Amino acid sequence: MSNRREAAHAAEDDGCLRRVMAVPLGILYLLAAGLCYSAWTIRPSGAWDEDAYGAITLLCFLAIVVSVIALVITAAPPTVRRAMGLRWLAPPMILAAIAATRRVLRG
């Protein structure tokens, strides 16, 4: 009987933890998405436009850093990983891949 109570209490804690962790993770995901969007919308005026290329590189780097921070927050603590599930690992990995692609293309 106590196992049922413990299981119900653990499920309740996971739901609370999920709601609490969704806010900072959502903010990090939005920040990374905004950085990716900015990196993809910058268009250099020509091959000589080093400022635009520097901005693209910086925005891609920051997007990757923010995505890695979100991945660490989601995956490192076992309680958070169990509560959030694997679905929460997909957005930062996708955003990091988008930023890395833009960094490689750069033009």
PDB file of N, CA and C in Angstrom:
ATOM      1  N   MET A   1       0.822  -1.191   0.000  1.00  0.00           N
ATOM      2  CA  MET A   1       0.000   0.000   0.000  1.00  0.00           C
ATOM      3  C   MET A   1       0.870   1.261   0.000  1.00  0.00           C
ATOM      4  N   SER A   2       1.980   1.232   0.708  1.00  0.00           N
ATOM      5  CA  SER A   2       2.838   2.408   0.726  1.00  0.00           C
ATOM      6  C   SER A   2       3.513   2.614  -0.625  1.00  0.00           C
ATOM      7  N   ASN A   3       3.725   1.532  -1.380  1.00  0.00           N
ATOM      8  CA  ASN A   3       4.310   1.678  -2.713  1.00  0.00           C
ATOM      9  C   ASN A   3       3.396   2.462  -3.631  1.00  0.00           C
ATOM     10  N   ARG A   4       2.101   2.239  -3.509  1.00  0.00           N
ATOM     11  CA  ARG A   4       1.140   2.992  -4.334  1.00  0.00           C
ATOM     12  C   ARG A   4       1.175   4.465  -3.964  1.00  0.00           C
ATOM     13  N   ARG A   5       1.240   4.728  -2.664  1.00  0.00           N
ATOM     14  CA  ARG A   5       1.285   6.113  -2.214  1.00  0.00           C
ATOM     15  C   ARG A   5       2.562   6.797  -2.693  1.00  0.00           C
ATOM     16  N   GLU A   6       3.678   6.083  -2.606  1.00  0.00           N
ATOM     17  CA  GLU A   6       4.947   6.646  -3.062  1.00  0.00           C
ATOM     18  C   GLU A   6       4.932   6.894  -4.565  1.00  0.00           C
ATOM     19  N   ALA A   7       4.354   5.974  -5.321  1.00  0.00           N
ATOM     20  CA  ALA A   7       4.275   6.133  -6.771  1.00  0.00           C
ATOM     21  C   ALA A   7       3.384   7.322  -7.127  1.00  0.00           C
ATOM     22  N   ALA A   8       2.261   7.458  -6.429  1.00  0.00           N
ATOM     23  CA  ALA A   8       1.365   8.588  -6.692  1.00  0.00           C
ATOM     24  C   ALA A   8       2.043   9.898  -6.327  1.00  0.00           C
ATOM     25  N   HIS A   9       2.778   9.898  -5.210  1.00  0.00           N
ATOM     26  CA  HIS A   9       3.477  11.106  -4.781  1.00  0.00           C
ATOM     27  C   HIS A   9       4.589  11.456  -5.775  1.00  0.00           C
ATOM     28  N   ALA A  10       5.319  10.463  -6.277  1.00  0.00           N
ATOM     29  CA  ALA A  10       6.381  10.705  -7.259  1.00  0.00           C
ATOM     30  C   ALA A  10       5.804  11.258  -8.558  1.00  0.00           C
ATOM     31  N   ALA A  11       4.670  10.719  -8.997  1.00  0.00           N
ATOM     32  CA  ALA A  11       4.033  11.223 -10.217  1.00  0.00           C
ATOM     33  C   ALA A  11       3.574  12.663 -10.024  1.00  0.00           C
ATOM     34  N   GLU A  12       3.076  12.974  -8.840  1.00  0.00           N
ATOM     35  CA  GLU A  12       2.648  14.336  -8.546  1.00  0.00           C
ATOM     36  C   GLU A  12       3.845  15.280  -8.533  1.00  0.00           C
ATOM     37  N   ASP A  13       4.957  14.850  -7.964  1.00  0.00           N
ATOM     38  CA  ASP A  13       6.168  15.671  -7.945  1.00  0.00           C
ATOM     39  C   ASP A  13       6.701  15.895  -9.352  1.00  0.00           C
ATOM     40  N   ASP A  14       6.638  14.867 -10.203  1.00  0.00           N
ATOM     41  CA  ASP A  14       7.096  15.016 -11.579  1.00  0.00           C
ATOM     42  C   ASP A  14       6.267  16.055 -12.325  1.00  0.00           C
ATOM     43  N   GLY A  15       4.972  16.065 -12.092  1.00  0.00           N
ATOM     44  CA  GLY A  15       4.115  17.050 -12.743  1.00  0.00           C
ATOM     45  C   GLY A  15       4.446  18.457 -12.307  1.00  0.00           C
ATOM     46  N   CYS A  16       4.710  18.629 -11.018  1.00  0.00           N
ATOM     47  CA  CYS A  16       5.084  19.943 -10.497  1.00  0.00           C
ATOM     48  C   CYS A  16       6.445  20.361 -11.047  1.00  0.00           C
ATOM     49  N   LEU A  17       7.395  19.434 -11.043  1.00  0.00           N
ATOM     50  CA  LEU A  17       8.718  19.723 -11.565  1.00  0.00           C
ATOM     51  C   LEU A  17       8.662  20.042 -13.052  1.00  0.00           C
ATOM     52  N   ARG A  18       7.812  19.344 -13.777  1.00  0.00           N
ATOM     53  CA  ARG A  18       7.654  19.596 -15.209  1.00  0.00           C
ATOM     54  C   ARG A  18       7.172  21.021 -15.449  1.00  0.00           C
ATOM     55  N   ARG A  19       6.204  21.459 -14.669  1.00  0.00           N
ATOM     56  CA  ARG A  19       5.693  22.831 -14.845  1.00  0.00           C
ATOM     57  C   ARG A  19       6.741  23.862 -14.453  1.00  0.00           C
ATOM     58  N   VAL A  20       7.489  23.586 -13.402  1.00  0.00           N
ATOM     59  CA  VAL A  20       8.505  24.539 -12.948  1.00  0.00           C
ATOM     60  C   VAL A  20       9.653  24.630 -13.945  1.00  0.00           C
ATOM     61  N   MET A  21      10.099  23.511 -14.482  1.00  0.00           N
ATOM     62  CA  MET A  21      11.224  23.506 -15.410  1.00  0.00           C
ATOM     63  C   MET A  21      10.834  23.951 -16.812  1.00  0.00           C
ATOM     64  N   ALA A  22       9.569  23.890 -17.140  1.00  0.00           N
ATOM     65  CA  ALA A  22       9.128  24.297 -18.476  1.00  0.00           C
ATOM     66  C   ALA A  22       9.366  25.784 -18.710  1.00  0.00           C
ATOM     67  N   VAL A  23       9.287  26.591 -17.670  1.00  0.00           N
ATOM     68  CA  VAL A  23       9.451  28.038 -17.838  1.00  0.00           C
ATOM     69  C   VAL A  23      10.887  28.402 -18.228  1.00  0.00           C
ATOM     70  N   PRO A  24      11.913  28.031 -17.447  1.00  0.00           N
ATOM     71  CA  PRO A  24      13.265  28.421 -17.889  1.00  0.00           C
ATOM     72  C   PRO A  24      13.697  27.734 -19.178  1.00  0.00           C
ATOM     73  N   LEU A  25      13.283  26.488 -19.371  1.00  0.00           N
ATOM     74  CA  LEU A  25      13.642  25.815 -20.619  1.00  0.00           C
ATOM     75  C   LEU A  25      12.962  26.480 -21.807  1.00  0.00           C
ATOM     76  N   GLY A  26      11.708  26.863 -21.644  1.00  0.00           N
ATOM     77  CA  GLY A  26      11.006  27.567 -22.716  1.00  0.00           C
ATOM     78  C   GLY A  26      11.672  28.894 -23.048  1.00  0.00           C
ATOM     79  N   ILE A  27      12.120  29.600 -22.022  1.00  0.00           N
ATOM     80  CA  ILE A  27      12.817  30.868 -22.251  1.00  0.00           C
ATOM     81  C   ILE A  27      14.126  30.624 -22.995  1.00  0.00           C
ATOM     82  N   LEU A  28      14.873  29.598 -22.588  1.00  0.00           N
ATOM     83  CA  LEU A  28      16.123  29.282 -23.281  1.00  0.00           C
ATOM     84  C   LEU A  28      15.875  28.871 -24.724  1.00  0.00           C
ATOM     85  N   TYR A  29      14.820  28.102 -24.966  1.00  0.00           N
ATOM     86  CA  TYR A  29      14.492  27.685 -26.330  1.00  0.00           C
ATOM     87  C   TYR A  29      14.118  28.892 -27.184  1.00  0.00           C
ATOM     88  N   LEU A  30      13.333  29.793 -26.636  1.00  0.00           N
ATOM     89  CA  LEU A  30      12.960  30.996 -27.385  1.00  0.00           C
ATOM     90  C   LEU A  30      14.168  31.880 -27.672  1.00  0.00           C
ATOM     91  N   LEU A  31      15.064  31.983 -26.697  1.00  0.00           N
ATOM     92  CA  LEU A  31      16.275  32.767 -26.898  1.00  0.00           C
ATOM     93  C   LEU A  31      17.138  32.155 -28.000  1.00  0.00           C
ATOM     94  N   ALA A  32      17.321  30.857 -27.959  1.00  0.00           N
ATOM     95  CA  ALA A  32      18.107  30.187 -29.001  1.00  0.00           C
ATOM     96  C   ALA A  32      17.435  30.323 -30.366  1.00  0.00           C
ATOM     97  N   ALA A  33      16.116  30.211 -30.405  1.00  0.00           N
ATOM     98  CA  ALA A  33      15.394  30.365 -31.675  1.00  0.00           C
ATOM     99  C   ALA A  33      15.539  31.793 -32.207  1.00  0.00           C
ATOM    100  N   GLY A  34      15.470  32.771 -31.335  1.00  0.00           N
ATOM    101  CA  GLY A  34      15.655  34.157 -31.765  1.00  0.00           C
ATOM    102  C   GLY A  34      17.057  34.417 -32.296  1.00  0.00           C
ATOM    103  N   LEU A  35      18.050  33.831 -31.647  1.00  0.00           N
ATOM    104  CA  LEU A  35      19.422  33.969 -32.127  1.00  0.00           C
ATOM    105  C   LEU A  35      19.598  33.303 -33.488  1.00  0.00           C
ATOM    106  N   CYS A  36      19.000  32.126 -33.652  1.00  0.00           N
ATOM    107  CA  CYS A  36      19.064  31.438 -34.954  1.00  0.00           C
ATOM    108  C   CYS A  36      18.370  32.258 -36.032  1.00  0.00           C
ATOM    109  N   TYR A  37      17.213  32.783 -35.703  1.00  0.00           N
ATOM    110  CA  TYR A  37      16.474  33.598 -36.668  1.00  0.00           C
ATOM    111  C   TYR A  37      17.297  34.821 -37.084  1.00  0.00           C
ATOM    112  N   SER A  38      17.894  35.467 -36.105  1.00  0.00           N
ATOM    113  CA  SER A  38      18.716  36.641 -36.419  1.00  0.00           C
ATOM    114  C   SER A  38      19.909  36.262 -37.280  1.00  0.00           C
ATOM    115  N   ALA A  39      20.532  35.129 -36.976  1.00  0.00           N
ATOM    116  CA  ALA A  39      21.683  34.692 -37.773  1.00  0.00           C
ATOM    117  C   ALA A  39      21.275  34.388 -39.205  1.00  0.00           C
ATOM    118  N   TRP A  40      20.105  33.816 -39.400  1.00  0.00           N
ATOM    119  CA  TRP A  40      19.666  33.468 -40.757  1.00  0.00           C
ATOM    120  C   TRP A  40      19.166  34.672 -41.543  1.00  0.00           C
ATOM    121  N   THR A  41      18.728  35.734 -40.854  1.00  0.00           N
ATOM    122  CA  THR A  41      18.202  36.889 -41.583  1.00  0.00           C
ATOM    123  C   THR A  41      19.271  37.920 -41.927  1.00  0.00           C
ATOM    124  N   ILE A  42      20.448  37.833 -41.329  1.00  0.00           N
ATOM    125  CA  ILE A  42      21.520  38.769 -41.675  1.00  0.00           C
ATOM    126  C   ILE A  42      22.056  38.406 -43.049  1.00  0.00           C
ATOM    127  N   ARG A  43      22.098  39.393 -43.925  1.00  0.00           N
ATOM    128  CA  ARG A  43      22.621  39.199 -45.274  1.00  0.00           C
ATOM    129  C   ARG A  43      23.815  40.126 -45.471  1.00  0.00           C
ATOM    130  N   PRO A  44      24.984  39.566 -45.675  1.00  0.00           N
ATOM    131  CA  PRO A  44      26.151  40.415 -45.947  1.00  0.00           C
ATOM    132  C   PRO A  44      25.980  41.159 -47.271  1.00  0.00           C
ATOM    133  N   SER A  45      26.484  42.366 -47.326  1.00  0.00           N
ATOM    134  CA  SER A  45      26.387  43.169 -48.552  1.00  0.00           C
ATOM    135  C   SER A  45      27.315  42.659 -49.640  1.00  0.00           C
ATOM    136  N   GLY A  46      28.357  41.991 -49.240  1.00  0.00           N
ATOM    137  CA  GLY A  46      29.314  41.457 -50.198  1.00  0.00           C
ATOM    138  C   GLY A  46      30.371  40.656 -49.465  1.00  0.00           C
ATOM    139  N   ALA A  47      31.355  40.190 -50.232  1.00  0.00           N
ATOM    140  CA  ALA A  47      32.430  39.397 -49.626  1.00  0.00           C
ATOM    141  C   ALA A  47      33.265  40.238 -48.665  1.00  0.00           C
ATOM    142  N   TRP A  48      33.228  41.539 -48.812  1.00  0.00           N
ATOM    143  CA  TRP A  48      34.007  42.453 -47.991  1.00  0.00           C
ATOM    144  C   TRP A  48      33.329  42.793 -46.665  1.00  0.00           C
ATOM    145  N   ASP A  49      32.076  42.416 -46.484  1.00  0.00           N
ATOM    146  CA  ASP A  49      31.294  42.816 -45.311  1.00  0.00           C
ATOM    147  C   ASP A  49      31.632  41.947 -44.094  1.00  0.00           C
ATOM    148  N   GLU A  50      32.773  42.204 -43.490  1.00  0.00           N
ATOM    149  CA  GLU A  50      33.237  41.412 -42.351  1.00  0.00           C
ATOM    150  C   GLU A  50      32.377  41.618 -41.110  1.00  0.00           C
ATOM    151  N   ASP A  51      31.749  42.771 -40.975  1.00  0.00           N
ATOM    152  CA  ASP A  51      30.881  43.003 -39.813  1.00  0.00           C
ATOM    153  C   ASP A  51      29.684  42.049 -39.817  1.00  0.00           C
ATOM    154  N   ALA A  52      29.088  41.854 -40.967  1.00  0.00           N
ATOM    155  CA  ALA A  52      27.950  40.938 -41.065  1.00  0.00           C
ATOM    156  C   ALA A  52      28.391  39.504 -40.804  1.00  0.00           C
ATOM    157  N   TYR A  53      29.543  39.121 -41.363  1.00  0.00           N
ATOM    158  CA  TYR A  53      30.052  37.770 -41.123  1.00  0.00           C
ATOM    159  C   TYR A  53      30.387  37.560 -39.652  1.00  0.00           C
ATOM    160  N   GLY A  54      30.929  38.582 -39.017  1.00  0.00           N
ATOM    161  CA  GLY A  54      31.220  38.500 -37.582  1.00  0.00           C
ATOM    162  C   GLY A  54      29.947  38.377 -36.759  1.00  0.00           C
ATOM    163  N   ALA A  55      28.913  39.109 -37.143  1.00  0.00           N
ATOM    164  CA  ALA A  55      27.638  39.021 -36.434  1.00  0.00           C
ATOM    165  C   ALA A  55      27.013  37.638 -36.593  1.00  0.00           C
ATOM    166  N   ILE A  56      27.089  37.085 -37.792  1.00  0.00           N
ATOM    167  CA  ILE A  56      26.556  35.735 -38.024  1.00  0.00           C
ATOM    168  C   ILE A  56      27.290  34.726 -37.152  1.00  0.00           C
ATOM    169  N   THR A  57      28.613  34.829 -37.120  1.00  0.00           N
ATOM    170  CA  THR A  57      29.412  33.911 -36.308  1.00  0.00           C
ATOM    171  C   THR A  57      29.065  34.043 -34.832  1.00  0.00           C
ATOM    172  N   LEU A  58      28.953  35.263 -34.344  1.00  0.00           N
ATOM    173  CA  LEU A  58      28.625  35.492 -32.937  1.00  0.00           C
ATOM    174  C   LEU A  58      27.240  34.960 -32.597  1.00  0.00           C
ATOM    175  N   LEU A  59      26.250  35.246 -33.426  1.00  0.00           N
ATOM    176  CA  LEU A  59      24.891  34.783 -33.153  1.00  0.00           C
ATOM    177  C   LEU A  59      24.808  33.258 -33.180  1.00  0.00           C
ATOM    178  N   CYS A  60      25.507  32.633 -34.102  1.00  0.00           N
ATOM    179  CA  CYS A  60      25.520  31.167 -34.157  1.00  0.00           C
ATOM    180  C   CYS A  60      26.194  30.589 -32.927  1.00  0.00           C
ATOM    181  N   PHE A  61      27.297  31.173 -32.513  1.00  0.00           N
ATOM    182  CA  PHE A  61      27.988  30.717 -31.308  1.00  0.00           C
ATOM    183  C   PHE A  61      27.086  30.841 -30.092  1.00  0.00           C
ATOM    184  N   LEU A  62      26.427  31.985 -29.946  1.00  0.00           N
ATOM    185  CA  LEU A  62      25.533  32.182 -28.798  1.00  0.00           C
ATOM    186  C   LEU A  62      24.345  31.220 -28.829  1.00  0.00           C
ATOM    187  N   ALA A  63      23.803  30.961 -30.004  1.00  0.00           N
ATOM    188  CA  ALA A  63      22.694  30.014 -30.118  1.00  0.00           C
ATOM    189  C   ALA A  63      23.127  28.613 -29.705  1.00  0.00           C
ATOM    190  N   ILE A  64      24.323  28.226 -30.107  1.00  0.00           N
ATOM    191  CA  ILE A  64      24.827  26.903 -29.722  1.00  0.00           C
ATOM    192  C   ILE A  64      25.073  26.843 -28.223  1.00  0.00           C
ATOM    193  N   VAL A  65      25.623  27.903 -27.647  1.00  0.00           N
ATOM    194  CA  VAL A  65      25.865  27.928 -26.200  1.00  0.00           C
ATOM    195  C   VAL A  65      24.552  27.834 -25.430  1.00  0.00           C
ATOM    196  N   VAL A  66      23.561  28.603 -25.826  1.00  0.00           N
ATOM    197  CA  VAL A  66      22.262  28.567 -25.147  1.00  0.00           C
ATOM    198  C   VAL A  66      21.616  27.192 -25.301  1.00  0.00           C
ATOM    199  N   SER A  67      21.746  26.586 -26.471  1.00  0.00           N
ATOM    200  CA  SER A  67      21.191  25.249 -26.691  1.00  0.00           C
ATOM    201  C   SER A  67      21.889  24.211 -25.820  1.00  0.00           C
ATOM    202  N   VAL A  68      23.197  24.323 -25.681  1.00  0.00           N
ATOM    203  CA  VAL A  68      23.928  23.377 -24.827  1.00  0.00           C
ATOM    204  C   VAL A  68      23.535  23.562 -23.368  1.00  0.00           C
ATOM    205  N   ILE A  69      23.358  24.788 -22.942  1.00  0.00           N
ATOM    206  CA  ILE A  69      22.905  25.033 -21.564  1.00  0.00           C
ATOM    207  C   ILE A  69      21.541  24.393 -21.341  1.00  0.00           C
ATOM    208  N   ALA A  70      20.636  24.554 -22.297  1.00  0.00           N
ATOM    209  CA  ALA A  70      19.305  23.943 -22.172  1.00  0.00           C
ATOM    210  C   ALA A  70      19.407  22.422 -22.155  1.00  0.00           C
ATOM    211  N   LEU A  71      20.292  21.858 -22.967  1.00  0.00           N
ATOM    212  CA  LEU A  71      20.494  20.401 -22.964  1.00  0.00           C
ATOM    213  C   LEU A  71      21.017  19.919 -21.620  1.00  0.00           C
ATOM    214  N   VAL A  72      21.967  20.645 -21.058  1.00  0.00           N
ATOM    215  CA  VAL A  72      22.532  20.247 -19.768  1.00  0.00           C
ATOM    216  C   VAL A  72      21.478  20.336 -18.670  1.00  0.00           C
ATOM    217  N   ILE A  73      20.691  21.398 -18.686  1.00  0.00           N
ATOM    218  CA  ILE A  73      19.636  21.534 -17.676  1.00  0.00           C
ATOM    219  C   ILE A  73      18.623  20.398 -17.802  1.00  0.00           C
ATOM    220  N   THR A  74      18.331  19.979 -19.018  1.00  0.00           N
ATOM    221  CA  THR A  74      17.338  18.930 -19.233  1.00  0.00           C
ATOM    222  C   THR A  74      17.896  17.543 -18.968  1.00  0.00           C
ATOM    223  N   ALA A  75      19.115  17.289 -19.390  1.00  0.00           N
ATOM    224  CA  ALA A  75      19.638  15.918 -19.368  1.00  0.00           C
ATOM    225  C   ALA A  75      20.462  15.568 -18.138  1.00  0.00           C
ATOM    226  N   ALA A  76      21.119  16.527 -17.516  1.00  0.00           N
ATOM    227  CA  ALA A  76      22.055  16.203 -16.437  1.00  0.00           C
ATOM    228  C   ALA A  76      21.371  15.684 -15.174  1.00  0.00           C
ATOM    229  N   PRO A  77      20.435  16.420 -14.580  1.00  0.00           N
ATOM    230  CA  PRO A  77      19.814  15.893 -13.360  1.00  0.00           C
ATOM    231  C   PRO A  77      18.826  14.773 -13.707  1.00  0.00           C
ATOM    232  N   PRO A  78      18.966  13.612 -13.095  1.00  0.00           N
ATOM    233  CA  PRO A  78      18.064  12.498 -13.424  1.00  0.00           C
ATOM    234  C   PRO A  78      16.596  12.803 -13.143  1.00  0.00           C
ATOM    235  N   THR A  79      16.328  13.573 -12.107  1.00  0.00           N
ATOM    236  CA  THR A  79      14.924  13.879 -11.799  1.00  0.00           C
ATOM    237  C   THR A  79      14.295  14.746 -12.882  1.00  0.00           C
ATOM    238  N   VAL A  80      15.064  15.694 -13.384  1.00  0.00           N
ATOM    239  CA  VAL A  80      14.539  16.560 -14.447  1.00  0.00           C
ATOM    240  C   VAL A  80      14.373  15.758 -15.728  1.00  0.00           C
ATOM    241  N   ARG A  81      15.357  14.921 -16.051  1.00  0.00           N
ATOM    242  CA  ARG A  81      15.286  14.107 -17.263  1.00  0.00           C
ATOM    243  C   ARG A  81      14.073  13.187 -17.214  1.00  0.00           C
ATOM    244  N   ARG A  82      13.813  12.593 -16.045  1.00  0.00           N
ATOM    245  CA  ARG A  82      12.663  11.694 -15.901  1.00  0.00           C
ATOM    246  C   ARG A  82      11.357  12.474 -15.998  1.00  0.00           C
ATOM    247  N   ALA A  83      11.323  13.652 -15.382  1.00  0.00           N
ATOM    248  CA  ALA A  83      10.087  14.433 -15.372  1.00  0.00           C
ATOM    249  C   ALA A  83       9.772  15.035 -16.742  1.00  0.00           C
ATOM    250  N   MET A  84      10.802  15.530 -17.437  1.00  0.00           N
ATOM    251  CA  MET A  84      10.561  16.235 -18.693  1.00  0.00           C
ATOM    252  C   MET A  84      10.399  15.284 -19.870  1.00  0.00           C
ATOM    253  N   GLY A  85      11.098  14.193 -19.872  1.00  0.00           N
ATOM    254  CA  GLY A  85      10.996  13.251 -20.984  1.00  0.00           C
ATOM    255  C   GLY A  85      11.942  13.618 -22.116  1.00  0.00           C
ATOM    256  N   LEU A  86      12.018  12.727 -23.071  1.00  0.00           N
ATOM    257  CA  LEU A  86      12.947  12.910 -24.188  1.00  0.00           C
ATOM    258  C   LEU A  86      12.503  13.990 -25.169  1.00  0.00           C
ATOM    259  N   ARG A  87      11.216  14.318 -25.178  1.00  0.00           N
ATOM    260  CA  ARG A  87      10.732  15.351 -26.109  1.00  0.00           C
ATOM    261  C   ARG A  87      11.414  16.688 -25.874  1.00  0.00           C
ATOM    262  N   TRP A  88      11.806  16.970 -24.644  1.00  0.00           N
ATOM    263  CA  TRP A  88      12.406  18.251 -24.320  1.00  0.00           C
ATOM    264  C   TRP A  88      13.867  18.335 -24.758  1.00  0.00           C
ATOM    265  N   LEU A  89      14.439  17.232 -25.201  1.00  0.00           N
ATOM    266  CA  LEU A  89      15.811  17.262 -25.704  1.00  0.00           C
ATOM    267  C   LEU A  89      15.872  17.643 -27.181  1.00  0.00           C
ATOM    268  N   ALA A  90      14.784  17.479 -27.889  1.00  0.00           N
ATOM    269  CA  ALA A  90      14.777  17.729 -29.334  1.00  0.00           C
ATOM    270  C   ALA A  90      14.967  19.206 -29.705  1.00  0.00           C
ATOM    271  N   PRO A  91      14.242  20.165 -29.109  1.00  0.00           N
ATOM    272  CA  PRO A  91      14.397  21.560 -29.555  1.00  0.00           C
ATOM    273  C   PRO A  91      15.815  22.106 -29.456  1.00  0.00           C
ATOM    274  N   PRO A  92      16.535  21.907 -28.343  1.00  0.00           N
ATOM    275  CA  PRO A  92      17.895  22.478 -28.336  1.00  0.00           C
ATOM    276  C   PRO A  92      18.834  21.797 -29.326  1.00  0.00           C
ATOM    277  N   MET A  93      18.641  20.498 -29.560  1.00  0.00           N
ATOM    278  CA  MET A  93      19.495  19.822 -30.541  1.00  0.00           C
ATOM    279  C   MET A  93      19.212  20.331 -31.956  1.00  0.00           C
ATOM    280  N   ILE A  94      17.948  20.545 -32.264  1.00  0.00           N
ATOM    281  CA  ILE A  94      17.572  21.064 -33.580  1.00  0.00           C
ATOM    282  C   ILE A  94      18.085  22.492 -33.760  1.00  0.00           C
ATOM    283  N   LEU A  95      17.919  23.320 -32.725  1.00  0.00           N
ATOM    284  CA  LEU A  95      18.381  24.705 -32.818  1.00  0.00           C
ATOM    285  C   LEU A  95      19.905  24.779 -32.928  1.00  0.00           C
ATOM    286  N   ALA A  96      20.614  23.909 -32.220  1.00  0.00           N
ATOM    287  CA  ALA A  96      22.076  23.883 -32.342  1.00  0.00           C
ATOM    288  C   ALA A  96      22.488  23.439 -33.739  1.00  0.00           C
ATOM    289  N   ALA A  97      21.777  22.490 -34.313  1.00  0.00           N
ATOM    290  CA  ALA A  97      22.081  22.044 -35.677  1.00  0.00           C
ATOM    291  C   ALA A  97      21.809  23.163 -36.687  1.00  0.00           C
ATOM    292  N   ILE A  98      20.738  23.909 -36.483  1.00  0.00           N
ATOM    293  CA  ILE A  98      20.430  25.034 -37.369  1.00  0.00           C
ATOM    294  C   ILE A  98      21.523  26.092 -37.282  1.00  0.00           C
ATOM    295  N   ALA A  99      21.945  26.405 -36.054  1.00  0.00           N
ATOM    296  CA  ALA A  99      23.005  27.411 -35.875  1.00  0.00           C
ATOM    297  C   ALA A  99      24.325  26.941 -36.479  1.00  0.00           C
ATOM    298  N   ALA A 100      24.641  25.675 -36.304  1.00  0.00           N
ATOM    299  CA  ALA A 100      25.881  25.149 -36.866  1.00  0.00           C
ATOM    300  C   ALA A 100      25.833  25.157 -38.398  1.00  0.00           C
ATOM    301  N   THR A 101      24.671  24.860 -38.947  1.00  0.00           N
ATOM    302  CA  THR A 101      24.512  24.910 -40.403  1.00  0.00           C
ATOM    303  C   THR A 101      24.712  26.330 -40.925  1.00  0.00           C
ATOM    304  N   ARG A 102      24.125  27.286 -40.254  1.00  0.00           N
ATOM    305  CA  ARG A 102      24.285  28.683 -40.678  1.00  0.00           C
ATOM    306  C   ARG A 102      25.735  29.127 -40.546  1.00  0.00           C
ATOM    307  N   ARG A 103      26.381  28.675 -39.501  1.00  0.00           N
ATOM    308  CA  ARG A 103      27.794  29.024 -39.300  1.00  0.00           C
ATOM    309  C   ARG A 103      28.653  28.463 -40.417  1.00  0.00           C
ATOM    310  N   VAL A 104      28.363  27.256 -40.843  1.00  0.00           N
ATOM    311  CA  VAL A 104      29.138  26.637 -41.918  1.00  0.00           C
ATOM    312  C   VAL A 104      28.840  27.326 -43.248  1.00  0.00           C
ATOM    313  N   LEU A 105      27.570  27.614 -43.521  1.00  0.00           N
ATOM    314  CA  LEU A 105      27.209  28.246 -44.794  1.00  0.00           C
ATOM    315  C   LEU A 105      27.693  29.691 -44.863  1.00  0.00           C
ATOM    316  N   ARG A 106      27.458  30.409 -43.799  1.00  0.00           N
ATOM    317  CA  ARG A 106      27.960  31.777 -43.585  1.00  0.00           C
ATOM    318  C   ARG A 106      27.670  32.784 -44.679  1.00  0.00           C
ATOM    319  N   GLY A 107      27.103  32.429 -45.762  1.00  0.00           N
ATOM    320  CA  GLY A 107      26.916  33.389 -46.847  1.00  0.00           C
ATOM    321  C   GLY A 107      25.526  33.631 -47.125  1.00  0.00           C
TER     322      GLY A 107
END
